Amino acid sequence: MLMRNKLVISYLLLAMMIGLFCLGCSKKRIVNGYLIAPEVDLVKAKLSGTNLQYADLRLADMREALLDGADLRHSKLTGANLSGANLNGANLSDVNLNQANLSGAILNGANLKKTSLRKTNLSNAILVGVDLRGTKAYNLRGANLTGANLTSMSLRGADLSQAIMSGSLLIQTDLTGVNFSSARLEGAYLRGASIGGANFSNADLSGAKLEKVSTAAGITLFNNAKLAGANLSYSYLSWANFNGADMKGAKLRYACLSNSSKPWQGMNDIMKGIKGLPKVRLGNSRPPGASTSNTDLTGANLSYSDLRNVDLTGAKLRGAKMIGILSNYQTLLPEVILEKRSKKETRE
């Protein structure tokens, strides 16, 4: 009889333990006095450092919630409103944030490994120091990243096609192999970014700041892109394809478009004094030189750029400034430019 009672008590204790465990993993639970469940109101909720693993917060209203340092691994946040939320240092690995609103959210140092961000609104979000390499977060097709701070991040190989990134900060960001086709990057800051192998075809980069960018990692496509008023000064563009691009009024001062294995050769004294120039390591590969077939460079500033071996005969260069360009006998210019230069030399 005593043995039977002991067994009953053991089973009861086991059942209670299982019940408590399941309660902790259930879709609905209480954390810091807040109900954690789908579609709940968690506006300005104080959940810093809490354990919200496996939480189901689909369509929850979490505007301006304090979630810094929170553990949200494996949670479901599809369609949740996290605008203005503080997610600094939060663990969001393997979280579903598809169609969620993260506009104005702060995610500095957050862990986004394997996070899904399809059609997520990240406008004006701050993601300083976040690394998205090799994760589901690399699929950001159509994401809204207007004004987002992605400074010094690694977005290598990400899909940002059709993304809205007007005014976003991508300073010194690794954009190697990123798909930006048809993306909106008007006024974006890409200073010092690595853009080798990236695809900017049909993208809008009007007025974008691309000073000191480097295409050294592979062919970079700007086919039919809008680069009117963009600044590409001091950039290494020897692997760039600008065919059909609109570059009216663009600045390319001191840019290197040459296929030479020694960029800016002959201008070393000038270039040495410029900080943050792209570090070009070519190894045994020789760059093809920039392609400018049917490129509209009307009114562009190409002064002091390295144009050795560059064929610009298919480009529109009316009104372009070409003072002090680095050229050689293989630099081919449209006849209208050659005629103007010839007349100027005759007058002199």
Protein backbone atom coordinates (compact mmCIF):
# COMPACT_ATOMS: atom_id res chain seq x y z
CA MET A 1 0.00 0.00 0.00
CA LEU A 2 2.83 2.34 0.93
CA MET A 3 4.62 1.56 -2.34
CA ARG A 4 1.42 2.30 -4.31
CA ASN A 5 1.04 5.69 -2.54
CA LYS A 6 4.65 6.55 -3.34
CA LEU A 7 4.03 5.72 -7.01
CA VAL A 8 0.89 7.89 -7.07
CA ILE A 9 2.77 10.80 -5.51
CA SER A 10 5.62 10.34 -7.99
CA TYR A 11 3.19 10.40 -10.94
CA LEU A 12 1.49 13.50 -9.52
CA LEU A 13 4.80 15.29 -9.11
CA LEU A 14 5.84 14.31 -12.63
CA ALA A 15 2.53 15.57 -14.01
CA MET A 16 2.96 18.87 -12.17
CA MET A 17 6.49 19.28 -13.53
CA ILE A 18 5.32 18.58 -17.07
CA GLY A 19 2.45 21.00 -16.59
CA LEU A 20 4.77 23.74 -15.38
CA PHE A 21 7.17 23.09 -18.25
CA CYS A 22 4.35 23.25 -20.80
CA LEU A 23 3.04 26.41 -19.18
CA GLY A 24 6.44 28.01 -19.69
CA CYS A 25 6.44 27.03 -23.35
CA SER A 26 2.77 27.69 -24.05
CA LYS A 27 1.58 30.36 -26.44
CA LYS A 28 -0.07 32.28 -23.61
CA ARG A 29 1.74 33.15 -20.39
CA ILE A 30 2.33 35.98 -17.96
CA VAL A 31 5.73 37.75 -17.99
CA ASN A 32 6.40 40.80 -15.76
CA GLY A 33 2.65 41.10 -15.33
CA TYR A 34 1.99 41.20 -19.09
CA LEU A 35 -0.04 38.63 -20.99
CA ILE A 36 2.10 37.14 -23.75
CA ALA A 37 -0.22 36.03 -26.55
CA PRO A 38 -1.21 36.86 -30.14
CA GLU A 39 -2.82 40.27 -30.78
CA VAL A 40 -2.21 41.57 -27.24
CA ASP A 41 -1.64 45.22 -26.28
CA LEU A 42 1.97 45.61 -25.14
CA VAL A 43 2.42 49.29 -25.94
CA LYS A 44 5.38 50.64 -23.91
CA ALA A 45 5.60 47.32 -22.05
CA LYS A 46 8.67 46.93 -19.85
CA LEU A 47 10.13 43.59 -20.86
CA SER A 48 13.86 44.33 -20.78
CA GLY A 49 15.97 41.21 -20.28
CA THR A 50 12.96 38.88 -20.11
CA ASN A 51 12.76 35.33 -21.43
CA LEU A 52 10.25 35.28 -24.29
CA GLN A 53 11.51 32.20 -26.08
CA TYR A 54 8.90 30.51 -28.30
CA ALA A 55 6.39 33.29 -27.56
CA ASP A 56 3.50 33.69 -29.98
CA LEU A 57 3.10 37.44 -30.44
CA ARG A 58 1.64 37.52 -33.91
CA LEU A 59 -0.13 40.82 -34.66
CA ALA A 60 0.70 42.09 -31.15
CA ASP A 61 0.85 45.85 -30.59
CA MET A 62 4.31 46.42 -29.08
CA ARG A 63 4.93 50.04 -29.98
CA GLU A 64 7.77 51.63 -27.97
CA ALA A 65 8.10 48.47 -25.88
CA LEU A 66 11.32 48.02 -23.89
CA LEU A 67 12.78 44.74 -25.09
CA ASP A 68 16.48 45.48 -24.78
CA GLY A 69 18.39 42.34 -23.87
CA ALA A 70 15.23 40.21 -24.15
CA ASP A 71 15.52 36.62 -25.34
CA LEU A 72 13.02 36.18 -28.17
CA ARG A 73 14.54 33.14 -29.81
CA HIS A 74 12.14 31.07 -31.94
CA SER A 75 9.28 33.51 -31.31
CA LYS A 76 6.53 34.35 -33.78
CA LEU A 77 6.18 38.07 -34.41
CA THR A 78 4.53 38.00 -37.82
CA GLY A 79 2.67 41.25 -38.42
CA ALA A 80 3.54 42.62 -34.95
CA ASN A 81 3.86 46.36 -34.49
CA LEU A 82 7.26 47.08 -32.92
CA SER A 83 7.61 50.65 -34.13
CA GLY A 84 9.88 52.66 -31.85
CA ALA A 85 10.68 49.60 -29.73
CA ASN A 86 14.02 49.26 -27.98
CA LEU A 87 15.57 45.97 -29.04
CA ASN A 88 19.20 46.80 -28.26
CA GLY A 89 21.12 43.57 -27.69
CA ALA A 90 17.95 41.47 -27.99
CA ASN A 91 18.27 37.89 -29.17
CA LEU A 92 16.02 37.59 -32.23
CA SER A 93 17.64 34.54 -33.76
CA ASP A 94 15.29 32.24 -35.67
CA VAL A 95 12.40 34.69 -35.17
CA ASN A 96 9.67 35.23 -37.75
CA LEU A 97 9.32 38.98 -38.28
CA ASN A 98 7.66 38.78 -41.69
CA GLN A 99 5.40 41.79 -42.37
CA ALA A 100 6.20 43.23 -38.93
CA ASN A 101 6.51 46.97 -38.39
CA LEU A 102 9.92 47.87 -36.97
CA SER A 103 9.93 51.49 -38.12
CA GLY A 104 12.07 53.59 -35.81
CA ALA A 105 13.05 50.57 -33.76
CA ILE A 106 16.53 50.43 -32.20
CA LEU A 107 18.31 47.12 -32.81
CA ASN A 108 21.94 47.98 -32.10
CA GLY A 109 23.89 44.81 -31.41
CA ALA A 110 20.79 42.61 -31.75
CA ASN A 111 21.24 38.98 -32.77
CA LEU A 112 19.34 38.45 -36.03
CA LYS A 113 20.78 35.08 -36.95
CA LYS A 114 18.26 33.11 -39.05
CA THR A 115 15.70 35.89 -38.58
CA SER A 116 13.12 36.16 -41.35
CA LEU A 117 12.44 39.75 -42.43
CA ARG A 118 10.36 39.38 -45.58
CA LYS A 119 8.33 42.55 -46.26
CA THR A 120 9.32 43.91 -42.85
CA ASN A 121 9.11 47.68 -42.40
CA LEU A 122 12.46 48.85 -41.07
CA SER A 123 12.11 52.51 -42.02
CA ASN A 124 14.25 54.76 -39.79
CA ALA A 125 15.35 51.73 -37.79
CA ILE A 126 18.86 51.76 -36.30
CA LEU A 127 20.86 48.56 -36.75
CA VAL A 128 24.42 49.58 -35.94
CA GLY A 129 26.84 46.68 -35.72
CA VAL A 130 24.29 44.02 -36.69
CA ASP A 131 25.74 41.14 -38.74
CA LEU A 132 23.34 39.38 -41.10
CA ARG A 133 25.80 37.06 -42.86
CA GLY A 134 24.45 33.66 -43.85
CA THR A 135 21.02 34.19 -42.32
CA LYS A 136 17.40 34.21 -43.42
CA ALA A 137 17.57 37.96 -42.84
CA TYR A 138 19.49 38.14 -46.09
CA ASN A 139 16.17 38.00 -47.89
CA LEU A 140 15.10 41.63 -47.55
CA ARG A 141 13.41 41.87 -50.92
CA GLY A 142 10.98 44.78 -50.83
CA ALA A 143 11.82 45.69 -47.21
CA ASN A 144 11.35 49.30 -46.14
CA LEU A 145 14.68 50.53 -44.78
CA THR A 146 14.11 54.24 -45.32
CA GLY A 147 16.69 56.17 -43.30
CA ALA A 148 17.90 52.97 -41.59
CA ASN A 149 21.37 53.02 -40.05
CA LEU A 150 23.30 50.05 -41.42
CA THR A 151 26.74 51.56 -40.85
CA SER A 152 29.67 49.09 -40.83
CA MET A 153 27.34 46.10 -41.17
CA SER A 154 27.93 43.05 -43.31
CA LEU A 155 25.17 42.50 -45.86
CA ARG A 156 27.30 40.31 -48.10
CA GLY A 157 25.12 38.43 -50.58
CA ALA A 158 21.81 39.87 -49.29
CA ASP A 159 18.74 40.25 -51.48
CA LEU A 160 17.63 43.88 -51.27
CA SER A 161 15.97 43.99 -54.66
CA GLN A 162 13.07 46.45 -54.77
CA ALA A 163 13.92 47.55 -51.22
CA ILE A 164 13.12 51.15 -50.21
CA MET A 165 16.32 52.57 -48.71
CA SER A 166 16.08 56.29 -49.39
CA GLY A 167 18.48 58.21 -47.14
CA SER A 168 19.77 55.04 -45.48
CA LEU A 169 23.26 54.96 -43.98
CA LEU A 170 25.50 52.27 -45.49
CA ILE A 171 28.83 53.89 -44.63
CA GLN A 172 31.73 51.41 -44.80
CA THR A 173 29.23 48.57 -45.11
CA ASP A 174 30.17 45.31 -46.80
CA LEU A 175 27.79 45.15 -49.77
CA THR A 176 29.73 42.57 -51.73
CA GLY A 177 27.42 40.64 -54.04
CA VAL A 178 24.25 42.35 -52.77
CA ASN A 179 21.25 42.43 -55.11
CA PHE A 180 19.99 46.03 -55.21
CA SER A 181 18.17 45.68 -58.52
CA SER A 182 15.24 48.11 -58.78
CA ALA A 183 15.92 49.32 -55.21
CA ARG A 184 15.34 52.93 -54.15
CA LEU A 185 18.50 54.45 -52.70
CA GLU A 186 17.93 58.14 -53.36
CA GLY A 187 20.22 60.21 -51.17
CA ALA A 188 21.65 57.11 -49.49
CA TYR A 189 25.13 57.27 -47.92
CA LEU A 190 27.47 54.52 -49.12
CA ARG A 191 30.80 56.20 -48.44
CA GLY A 192 33.65 53.71 -48.22
CA ALA A 193 31.38 50.72 -48.87
CA SER A 194 32.62 47.56 -50.58
CA ILE A 195 30.27 47.08 -53.53
CA GLY A 196 32.18 44.57 -55.66
CA GLY A 197 29.87 42.10 -57.41
CA ALA A 198 26.75 44.03 -56.36
CA ASN A 199 23.81 44.48 -58.73
CA PHE A 200 22.40 48.04 -58.90
CA SER A 201 20.63 47.53 -62.22
CA ASN A 202 17.56 49.79 -62.57
CA ALA A 203 18.16 51.09 -59.03
CA ASP A 204 17.58 54.74 -58.15
CA LEU A 205 20.74 56.22 -56.63
CA SER A 206 19.96 59.84 -57.48
CA GLY A 207 21.98 62.12 -55.24
CA ALA A 208 23.53 59.16 -53.40
CA LYS A 209 26.93 59.57 -51.72
CA LEU A 210 29.26 56.86 -53.02
CA GLU A 211 32.64 58.45 -52.36
CA LYS A 212 35.54 56.03 -51.89
CA VAL A 213 33.53 52.90 -52.74
CA SER A 214 35.34 49.92 -54.20
CA THR A 215 34.29 47.45 -56.89
CA ALA A 216 37.47 45.37 -56.49
CA ALA A 217 35.65 42.14 -55.57
CA GLY A 218 33.98 41.67 -58.97
CA ILE A 219 31.82 43.08 -61.77
CA THR A 220 29.41 45.64 -60.33
CA LEU A 221 26.29 46.34 -62.36
CA PHE A 222 24.77 49.81 -62.68
CA ASN A 223 22.93 49.04 -65.92
CA ASN A 224 20.13 51.57 -66.50
CA ALA A 225 20.54 52.86 -62.94
CA LYS A 226 19.70 56.44 -61.97
CA LEU A 227 22.84 58.14 -60.67
CA ALA A 228 22.01 61.75 -61.50
CA GLY A 229 23.81 64.03 -59.05
CA ALA A 230 25.45 61.10 -57.29
CA ASN A 231 28.94 61.53 -55.86
CA LEU A 232 31.43 58.79 -56.79
CA SER A 233 34.60 60.79 -56.23
CA TYR A 234 37.76 58.96 -55.13
CA SER A 235 36.09 55.62 -55.90
CA TYR A 236 37.62 52.54 -57.47
CA LEU A 237 35.23 51.75 -60.33
CA SER A 238 37.36 49.62 -62.64
CA TRP A 239 34.91 46.71 -62.37
CA ALA A 240 31.78 48.82 -62.84
CA ASN A 241 29.28 48.50 -65.69
CA PHE A 242 27.45 51.79 -66.22
CA ASN A 243 25.81 50.86 -69.52
CA GLY A 244 22.63 52.86 -70.04
CA ALA A 245 22.96 54.62 -66.68
CA ASP A 246 21.74 58.18 -66.12
CA MET A 247 24.72 59.98 -64.55
CA LYS A 248 23.84 63.56 -65.37
CA GLY A 249 25.75 65.92 -63.12
CA ALA A 250 27.43 63.07 -61.25
CA LYS A 251 30.76 63.72 -59.55
CA LEU A 252 33.62 61.35 -60.39
CA ARG A 253 36.58 63.50 -59.38
CA TYR A 254 39.71 61.39 -58.86
CA ALA A 255 37.69 58.22 -59.55
CA CYS A 256 39.52 55.30 -61.13
CA LEU A 257 37.78 53.74 -64.15
CA SER A 258 40.96 52.39 -65.72
CA ASN A 259 41.73 48.73 -66.39
CA SER A 260 45.28 49.27 -65.20
CA SER A 261 46.66 46.95 -62.54
CA LYS A 262 48.14 50.09 -60.96
CA PRO A 263 45.21 52.44 -60.27
CA TRP A 264 45.92 56.18 -60.12
CA GLN A 265 49.48 55.54 -61.35
CA GLY A 266 51.25 58.86 -61.75
CA MET A 267 49.03 60.53 -59.15
CA ASN A 268 50.55 58.85 -56.11
CA ASP A 269 51.65 62.06 -54.42
CA ILE A 270 48.13 63.49 -54.61
CA MET A 271 46.37 60.29 -53.58
CA LYS A 272 48.63 59.65 -50.59
CA GLY A 273 47.21 62.68 -48.85
CA ILE A 274 43.61 61.46 -49.17
CA LYS A 275 42.32 59.46 -46.21
CA GLY A 276 40.03 56.46 -46.60
CA LEU A 277 40.87 55.64 -50.22
CA PRO A 278 39.77 52.13 -51.28
CA LYS A 279 42.46 49.51 -50.65
CA VAL A 280 42.81 47.72 -53.96
CA ARG A 281 44.33 44.26 -53.87
CA LEU A 282 44.09 42.76 -57.35
CA GLY A 283 46.44 39.79 -57.07
CA ASN A 284 46.65 38.16 -60.48
CA SER A 285 43.32 39.54 -61.69
CA ARG A 286 43.25 42.44 -64.09
CA PRO A 287 40.17 44.65 -64.01
CA PRO A 288 38.18 45.00 -67.24
CA GLY A 289 37.86 48.78 -66.87
CA ALA A 290 34.56 50.62 -66.47
CA SER A 291 31.96 50.12 -69.20
CA THR A 292 30.09 53.26 -70.29
CA SER A 293 28.09 52.31 -73.35
CA ASN A 294 25.14 54.70 -73.77
CA THR A 295 25.88 56.23 -70.36
CA ASP A 296 24.59 59.77 -69.92
CA LEU A 297 27.38 61.79 -68.28
CA THR A 298 26.01 65.16 -69.34
CA GLY A 299 27.42 67.82 -67.03
CA ALA A 300 29.31 65.24 -64.98
CA ASN A 301 32.60 66.13 -63.29
CA LEU A 302 35.37 63.68 -64.25
CA SER A 303 38.26 65.97 -63.38
CA TYR A 304 41.49 64.22 -62.37
CA SER A 305 39.91 60.79 -62.85
CA ASP A 306 41.95 57.83 -64.08
CA LEU A 307 40.63 57.12 -67.58
CA ARG A 308 43.54 55.17 -69.02
CA ASN A 309 42.37 52.61 -71.60
CA VAL A 310 38.74 53.63 -71.04
CA ASP A 311 36.43 53.77 -74.06
CA LEU A 312 33.97 56.63 -73.60
CA THR A 313 32.93 56.92 -77.25
CA GLY A 314 29.47 55.53 -76.51
CA ALA A 315 28.84 57.93 -73.61
CA LYS A 316 27.13 61.33 -73.62
CA LEU A 317 29.63 63.84 -72.25
CA ARG A 318 28.21 67.20 -73.28
CA GLY A 319 29.17 69.82 -70.71
CA ALA A 320 31.26 67.35 -68.72
CA LYS A 321 34.31 68.63 -66.83
CA MET A 322 37.48 66.69 -67.62
CA ILE A 323 40.25 68.84 -66.19
CA GLY A 324 43.52 67.02 -65.51
CA ILE A 325 42.25 63.54 -66.40
CA LEU A 326 44.77 60.71 -66.37
CA SER A 327 44.66 59.31 -69.91
CA ASN A 328 46.77 57.57 -72.52
CA TYR A 329 46.62 56.78 -76.24
CA GLN A 330 43.98 54.11 -75.54
CA THR A 331 41.61 56.54 -73.85
CA LEU A 332 38.78 56.99 -76.36
CA LEU A 333 36.55 60.04 -76.13
CA PRO A 334 33.51 61.11 -78.21
CA GLU A 335 34.37 63.30 -81.20
CA VAL A 336 32.53 66.30 -79.74
CA ILE A 337 34.85 66.28 -76.72
CA LEU A 338 37.94 65.79 -78.87
CA GLU A 339 36.91 68.70 -81.09
CA LYS A 340 36.48 71.01 -78.08
CA ARG A 341 39.83 69.99 -76.63
CA SER A 342 41.51 70.46 -80.01
CA LYS A 343 40.08 74.00 -80.39
CA LYS A 344 41.20 74.89 -76.87
CA GLU A 345 44.73 73.63 -77.58
CA THR A 346 44.81 75.60 -80.88
CA ARG A 347 43.84 78.84 -79.07
CA GLU A 348 46.55 78.25 -76.52
